[in-house]
N, C-alpha and C. Protein backbone atom coordinates (compact mmCIF):
# COMPACT_ATOMS: atom_id res chain seq x y z
N MET A 1 -2.74 12.64 20.19
CA MET A 1 -2.65 11.35 19.55
C MET A 1 -1.25 10.76 19.71
N GLN A 2 -0.23 11.59 19.60
CA GLN A 2 1.14 11.10 19.74
C GLN A 2 1.38 10.52 21.13
N ALA A 3 0.79 11.14 22.15
CA ALA A 3 0.95 10.64 23.52
C ALA A 3 0.36 9.23 23.66
N VAL A 4 -0.78 9.01 23.03
CA VAL A 4 -1.41 7.69 23.07
C VAL A 4 -0.53 6.67 22.36
N LEU A 5 -0.02 7.06 21.19
CA LEU A 5 0.86 6.16 20.44
C LEU A 5 2.12 5.84 21.23
N ASP A 6 2.72 6.84 21.86
CA ASP A 6 3.91 6.61 22.68
C ASP A 6 3.62 5.65 23.82
N GLU A 7 2.46 5.79 24.44
CA GLU A 7 2.08 4.90 25.54
C GLU A 7 1.88 3.47 25.06
N ILE A 8 1.26 3.31 23.89
CA ILE A 8 1.07 1.97 23.32
C ILE A 8 2.42 1.32 23.04
N ILE A 9 3.31 2.07 22.41
CA ILE A 9 4.64 1.55 22.09
C ILE A 9 5.38 1.15 23.36
N LYS A 10 5.34 1.99 24.37
CA LYS A 10 6.00 1.71 25.64
C LYS A 10 5.45 0.41 26.26
N THR A 11 4.13 0.25 26.21
CA THR A 11 3.49 -0.94 26.77
C THR A 11 3.91 -2.18 26.01
N VAL A 12 3.89 -2.11 24.67
CA VAL A 12 4.24 -3.27 23.86
C VAL A 12 5.71 -3.65 24.05
N VAL A 13 6.58 -2.68 24.11
CA VAL A 13 8.01 -2.94 24.29
C VAL A 13 8.29 -3.66 25.61
N ASN A 14 7.49 -3.36 26.62
CA ASN A 14 7.70 -3.96 27.94
C ASN A 14 7.01 -5.31 28.13
N LEU A 15 6.33 -5.82 27.12
CA LEU A 15 5.69 -7.13 27.21
C LEU A 15 6.72 -8.25 27.14
N LYS A 16 6.31 -9.42 27.61
CA LYS A 16 7.14 -10.61 27.43
C LYS A 16 7.23 -10.89 25.93
N PRO A 17 8.33 -11.45 25.47
CA PRO A 17 8.51 -11.68 24.04
C PRO A 17 7.35 -12.40 23.37
N GLU A 18 6.80 -13.43 24.00
CA GLU A 18 5.70 -14.16 23.37
C GLU A 18 4.42 -13.32 23.27
N ASP A 19 4.19 -12.46 24.26
CA ASP A 19 3.02 -11.57 24.20
C ASP A 19 3.23 -10.47 23.17
N ARG A 20 4.46 -9.97 23.08
CA ARG A 20 4.79 -8.96 22.08
C ARG A 20 4.57 -9.53 20.68
N GLN A 21 4.95 -10.78 20.47
CA GLN A 21 4.77 -11.43 19.17
C GLN A 21 3.28 -11.53 18.81
N LYS A 22 2.44 -11.78 19.82
CA LYS A 22 1.00 -11.85 19.57
C LYS A 22 0.46 -10.49 19.10
N VAL A 23 0.97 -9.42 19.72
CA VAL A 23 0.55 -8.08 19.30
C VAL A 23 1.00 -7.81 17.87
N ILE A 24 2.22 -8.17 17.56
CA ILE A 24 2.76 -7.97 16.21
C ILE A 24 1.92 -8.74 15.19
N GLN A 25 1.60 -9.98 15.50
CA GLN A 25 0.79 -10.80 14.58
C GLN A 25 -0.59 -10.21 14.38
N ALA A 26 -1.20 -9.72 15.46
CA ALA A 26 -2.53 -9.12 15.36
C ALA A 26 -2.51 -7.88 14.46
N VAL A 27 -1.49 -7.05 14.62
CA VAL A 27 -1.38 -5.83 13.80
C VAL A 27 -1.13 -6.20 12.34
N GLN A 28 -0.25 -7.17 12.10
CA GLN A 28 0.04 -7.58 10.73
C GLN A 28 -1.20 -8.18 10.07
N GLU A 29 -1.96 -8.97 10.82
CA GLU A 29 -3.19 -9.55 10.28
C GLU A 29 -4.18 -8.45 9.90
N GLU A 30 -4.30 -7.46 10.73
CA GLU A 30 -5.20 -6.35 10.44
C GLU A 30 -4.77 -5.62 9.18
N GLU A 31 -3.47 -5.45 8.98
CA GLU A 31 -2.95 -4.78 7.79
C GLU A 31 -3.21 -5.59 6.52
N ARG A 32 -3.23 -6.92 6.65
CA ARG A 32 -3.43 -7.79 5.49
C ARG A 32 -4.89 -7.91 5.09
N LYS A 33 -5.78 -7.55 5.97
CA LYS A 33 -7.21 -7.69 5.66
C LYS A 33 -7.55 -6.88 4.42
N THR A 34 -8.41 -7.45 3.62
CA THR A 34 -8.86 -6.77 2.42
C THR A 34 -9.79 -5.64 2.80
N LYS A 35 -9.55 -4.49 2.21
CA LYS A 35 -10.42 -3.34 2.44
C LYS A 35 -11.64 -3.47 1.55
N THR A 36 -12.70 -2.77 1.89
CA THR A 36 -13.90 -2.81 1.05
C THR A 36 -14.03 -1.49 0.31
N ASN A 37 -14.84 -1.52 -0.72
CA ASN A 37 -15.03 -0.33 -1.52
C ASN A 37 -16.27 0.45 -1.09
N GLY A 38 -16.74 0.23 0.13
CA GLY A 38 -17.91 0.94 0.63
C GLY A 38 -19.19 0.17 0.41
N GLU A 39 -19.11 -0.93 -0.29
CA GLU A 39 -20.26 -1.78 -0.53
C GLU A 39 -19.95 -3.14 0.09
N ASP A 40 -20.66 -4.15 -0.35
CA ASP A 40 -20.42 -5.49 0.17
C ASP A 40 -19.32 -6.22 -0.61
N ILE A 41 -18.74 -5.55 -1.59
CA ILE A 41 -17.73 -6.18 -2.43
C ILE A 41 -16.34 -5.84 -1.89
N SER A 42 -15.51 -6.85 -1.71
CA SER A 42 -14.15 -6.63 -1.22
C SER A 42 -13.22 -6.39 -2.40
N VAL A 43 -12.27 -5.48 -2.22
CA VAL A 43 -11.26 -5.20 -3.23
C VAL A 43 -9.90 -5.21 -2.56
N SER A 44 -8.87 -5.38 -3.35
CA SER A 44 -7.53 -5.43 -2.76
C SER A 44 -7.11 -4.05 -2.26
N PRO A 45 -6.25 -4.02 -1.26
CA PRO A 45 -5.75 -2.73 -0.77
C PRO A 45 -5.03 -1.93 -1.86
N ASP A 46 -4.40 -2.62 -2.82
CA ASP A 46 -3.71 -1.92 -3.90
C ASP A 46 -4.71 -1.17 -4.79
N THR A 47 -5.85 -1.80 -5.04
CA THR A 47 -6.89 -1.16 -5.84
C THR A 47 -7.46 0.05 -5.13
N VAL A 48 -7.68 -0.08 -3.84
CA VAL A 48 -8.19 1.04 -3.04
C VAL A 48 -7.19 2.19 -3.09
N TRP A 49 -5.90 1.90 -2.89
CA TRP A 49 -4.88 2.95 -2.93
C TRP A 49 -4.88 3.65 -4.28
N LEU A 50 -4.93 2.86 -5.35
CA LEU A 50 -4.89 3.43 -6.69
C LEU A 50 -6.08 4.34 -6.94
N ARG A 51 -7.27 3.91 -6.54
CA ARG A 51 -8.46 4.72 -6.75
C ARG A 51 -8.37 6.04 -5.96
N GLU A 52 -7.83 5.98 -4.75
CA GLU A 52 -7.77 7.17 -3.89
C GLU A 52 -6.63 8.13 -4.25
N ASN A 53 -5.59 7.63 -4.92
CA ASN A 53 -4.39 8.45 -5.15
C ASN A 53 -4.02 8.67 -6.60
N ARG A 54 -4.78 8.12 -7.53
CA ARG A 54 -4.38 8.18 -8.94
C ARG A 54 -4.20 9.62 -9.44
N HIS A 55 -4.97 10.56 -8.94
CA HIS A 55 -4.86 11.95 -9.40
C HIS A 55 -3.50 12.56 -9.10
N ARG A 56 -2.81 12.04 -8.09
CA ARG A 56 -1.49 12.59 -7.71
C ARG A 56 -0.36 12.02 -8.55
N TYR A 57 -0.61 10.91 -9.26
CA TYR A 57 0.45 10.24 -10.01
C TYR A 57 0.11 10.07 -11.49
N SER A 58 -0.73 10.95 -11.99
CA SER A 58 -1.17 10.92 -13.38
C SER A 58 0.03 10.95 -14.33
N GLY A 59 0.05 10.01 -15.28
CA GLY A 59 1.12 9.97 -16.26
C GLY A 59 2.39 9.29 -15.78
N MET A 60 2.35 8.64 -14.63
CA MET A 60 3.53 7.98 -14.07
C MET A 60 3.25 6.50 -13.84
N TYR A 61 4.31 5.75 -13.62
CA TYR A 61 4.19 4.36 -13.19
C TYR A 61 4.31 4.35 -11.67
N VAL A 62 3.46 3.56 -11.02
CA VAL A 62 3.52 3.44 -9.56
C VAL A 62 3.68 1.97 -9.18
N ALA A 63 4.39 1.75 -8.09
CA ALA A 63 4.54 0.41 -7.53
C ALA A 63 3.82 0.42 -6.18
N ILE A 64 2.88 -0.49 -6.03
CA ILE A 64 2.05 -0.53 -4.83
C ILE A 64 2.17 -1.92 -4.20
N GLU A 65 2.25 -1.96 -2.88
CA GLU A 65 2.30 -3.24 -2.18
C GLU A 65 1.52 -3.11 -0.88
N ASN A 66 0.57 -3.99 -0.70
CA ASN A 66 -0.27 -3.99 0.51
C ASN A 66 -0.93 -2.64 0.75
N GLY A 67 -1.36 -2.01 -0.32
CA GLY A 67 -2.07 -0.74 -0.19
C GLY A 67 -1.21 0.46 0.11
N GLU A 68 0.09 0.35 -0.14
CA GLU A 68 1.01 1.47 0.09
C GLU A 68 1.90 1.68 -1.12
N LEU A 69 2.18 2.93 -1.42
CA LEU A 69 3.09 3.26 -2.51
C LEU A 69 4.51 2.89 -2.07
N VAL A 70 5.18 2.05 -2.88
CA VAL A 70 6.55 1.66 -2.54
C VAL A 70 7.55 2.13 -3.59
N GLY A 71 7.04 2.67 -4.72
CA GLY A 71 7.94 3.17 -5.74
C GLY A 71 7.17 3.91 -6.82
N GLN A 72 7.89 4.72 -7.58
CA GLN A 72 7.29 5.46 -8.68
C GLN A 72 8.37 5.80 -9.69
N GLY A 73 7.95 6.10 -10.91
CA GLY A 73 8.92 6.47 -11.94
C GLY A 73 8.25 6.84 -13.24
N LYS A 74 9.05 7.33 -14.18
CA LYS A 74 8.54 7.72 -15.49
C LYS A 74 8.27 6.50 -16.37
N ASN A 75 8.88 5.35 -16.01
CA ASN A 75 8.64 4.12 -16.76
C ASN A 75 8.62 2.94 -15.78
N PHE A 76 8.29 1.77 -16.31
CA PHE A 76 8.16 0.58 -15.48
C PHE A 76 9.46 0.28 -14.73
N ARG A 77 10.55 0.35 -15.44
CA ARG A 77 11.86 0.01 -14.86
C ARG A 77 12.20 0.93 -13.67
N GLU A 78 11.93 2.23 -13.81
CA GLU A 78 12.21 3.17 -12.71
C GLU A 78 11.34 2.87 -11.49
N ALA A 79 10.07 2.58 -11.73
CA ALA A 79 9.16 2.27 -10.61
C ALA A 79 9.59 0.99 -9.91
N ASP A 80 9.98 -0.01 -10.69
CA ASP A 80 10.44 -1.27 -10.11
C ASP A 80 11.72 -1.08 -9.31
N LYS A 81 12.65 -0.34 -9.86
CA LYS A 81 13.93 -0.08 -9.18
C LYS A 81 13.69 0.68 -7.87
N ASP A 82 12.81 1.67 -7.90
CA ASP A 82 12.48 2.45 -6.71
C ASP A 82 11.84 1.55 -5.64
N ALA A 83 10.95 0.68 -6.07
CA ALA A 83 10.29 -0.24 -5.13
C ALA A 83 11.29 -1.18 -4.49
N LYS A 84 12.21 -1.72 -5.29
CA LYS A 84 13.23 -2.64 -4.75
C LYS A 84 14.15 -1.91 -3.76
N LYS A 85 14.47 -0.64 -4.09
CA LYS A 85 15.30 0.17 -3.20
C LYS A 85 14.60 0.37 -1.86
N ASN A 86 13.27 0.41 -1.89
CA ASN A 86 12.48 0.59 -0.67
C ASN A 86 12.11 -0.73 0.00
N GLY A 87 12.71 -1.84 -0.44
CA GLY A 87 12.53 -3.11 0.23
C GLY A 87 11.40 -3.99 -0.29
N SER A 88 10.74 -3.57 -1.33
CA SER A 88 9.64 -4.37 -1.88
C SER A 88 10.19 -5.41 -2.84
N GLN A 89 9.65 -6.62 -2.79
CA GLN A 89 10.12 -7.69 -3.67
C GLN A 89 9.19 -7.92 -4.86
N LYS A 90 7.88 -7.91 -4.63
CA LYS A 90 6.93 -8.18 -5.70
C LYS A 90 5.77 -7.18 -5.66
N PRO A 91 6.06 -5.93 -6.00
CA PRO A 91 4.98 -4.93 -5.97
C PRO A 91 4.09 -5.06 -7.20
N PHE A 92 2.90 -4.50 -7.10
CA PHE A 92 2.00 -4.34 -8.23
C PHE A 92 2.42 -3.03 -8.89
N ILE A 93 2.82 -3.10 -10.17
CA ILE A 93 3.27 -1.91 -10.88
C ILE A 93 2.30 -1.64 -12.03
N THR A 94 1.86 -0.40 -12.14
CA THR A 94 0.93 -0.03 -13.20
C THR A 94 1.16 1.41 -13.64
N TYR A 95 0.73 1.69 -14.84
CA TYR A 95 0.77 3.06 -15.36
C TYR A 95 -0.53 3.75 -14.96
N VAL A 96 -0.44 4.97 -14.49
CA VAL A 96 -1.62 5.75 -14.11
C VAL A 96 -1.98 6.67 -15.28
N PHE A 97 -3.03 6.30 -15.97
CA PHE A 97 -3.47 7.10 -17.11
C PHE A 97 -4.03 8.43 -16.62
N PRO A 98 -3.76 9.51 -17.35
CA PRO A 98 -4.35 10.80 -17.00
C PRO A 98 -5.88 10.70 -17.07
N ALA A 99 -6.57 11.43 -16.22
CA ALA A 99 -8.03 11.38 -16.15
C ALA A 99 -8.69 11.77 -17.46
N ASP A 100 -8.04 12.64 -18.23
CA ASP A 100 -8.64 13.11 -19.48
C ASP A 100 -8.25 12.27 -20.69
N SER A 101 -7.56 11.14 -20.49
CA SER A 101 -7.13 10.32 -21.62
C SER A 101 -8.27 9.48 -22.16
N GLU A 102 -8.16 9.15 -23.42
CA GLU A 102 -9.17 8.30 -24.08
C GLU A 102 -8.98 6.87 -23.61
N PRO A 103 -10.07 6.14 -23.39
CA PRO A 103 -9.93 4.73 -23.03
C PRO A 103 -9.36 3.95 -24.21
N PHE A 104 -8.58 2.95 -23.90
CA PHE A 104 -7.96 2.13 -24.93
C PHE A 104 -8.64 0.78 -24.95
N GLY A 105 -8.99 0.35 -26.15
CA GLY A 105 -9.61 -0.97 -26.31
C GLY A 105 -8.70 -1.88 -27.09
N GLY A 106 -8.99 -3.14 -27.03
CA GLY A 106 -8.19 -4.12 -27.78
C GLY A 106 -8.62 -4.19 -29.22
N TRP A 107 -8.31 -5.28 -29.85
CA TRP A 107 -8.58 -5.47 -31.27
C TRP A 107 -10.02 -5.42 -31.52
């Protein structure tokens, strides 16, 4: 797999600048596409990441952007600071409740 990736990178690097930009835009567009939850309903990449990884971050705050973890911490401020350190400007930050916790309701 690494050999294929190296060949792709070599090919893209050797393209004319305008063609290289088209490749970059195509890849970025693919990354921005909303992932699905296995049904016909679309969900955000952040929601998909949270559902797939919540067991690893139980009891912590996580900062997610475009379906990728960009920060984490024991509290909101730590997760936000970690995300900013990693170059994120507006991550989705949430607390990951432990799986065995009681659901919380409003008034």
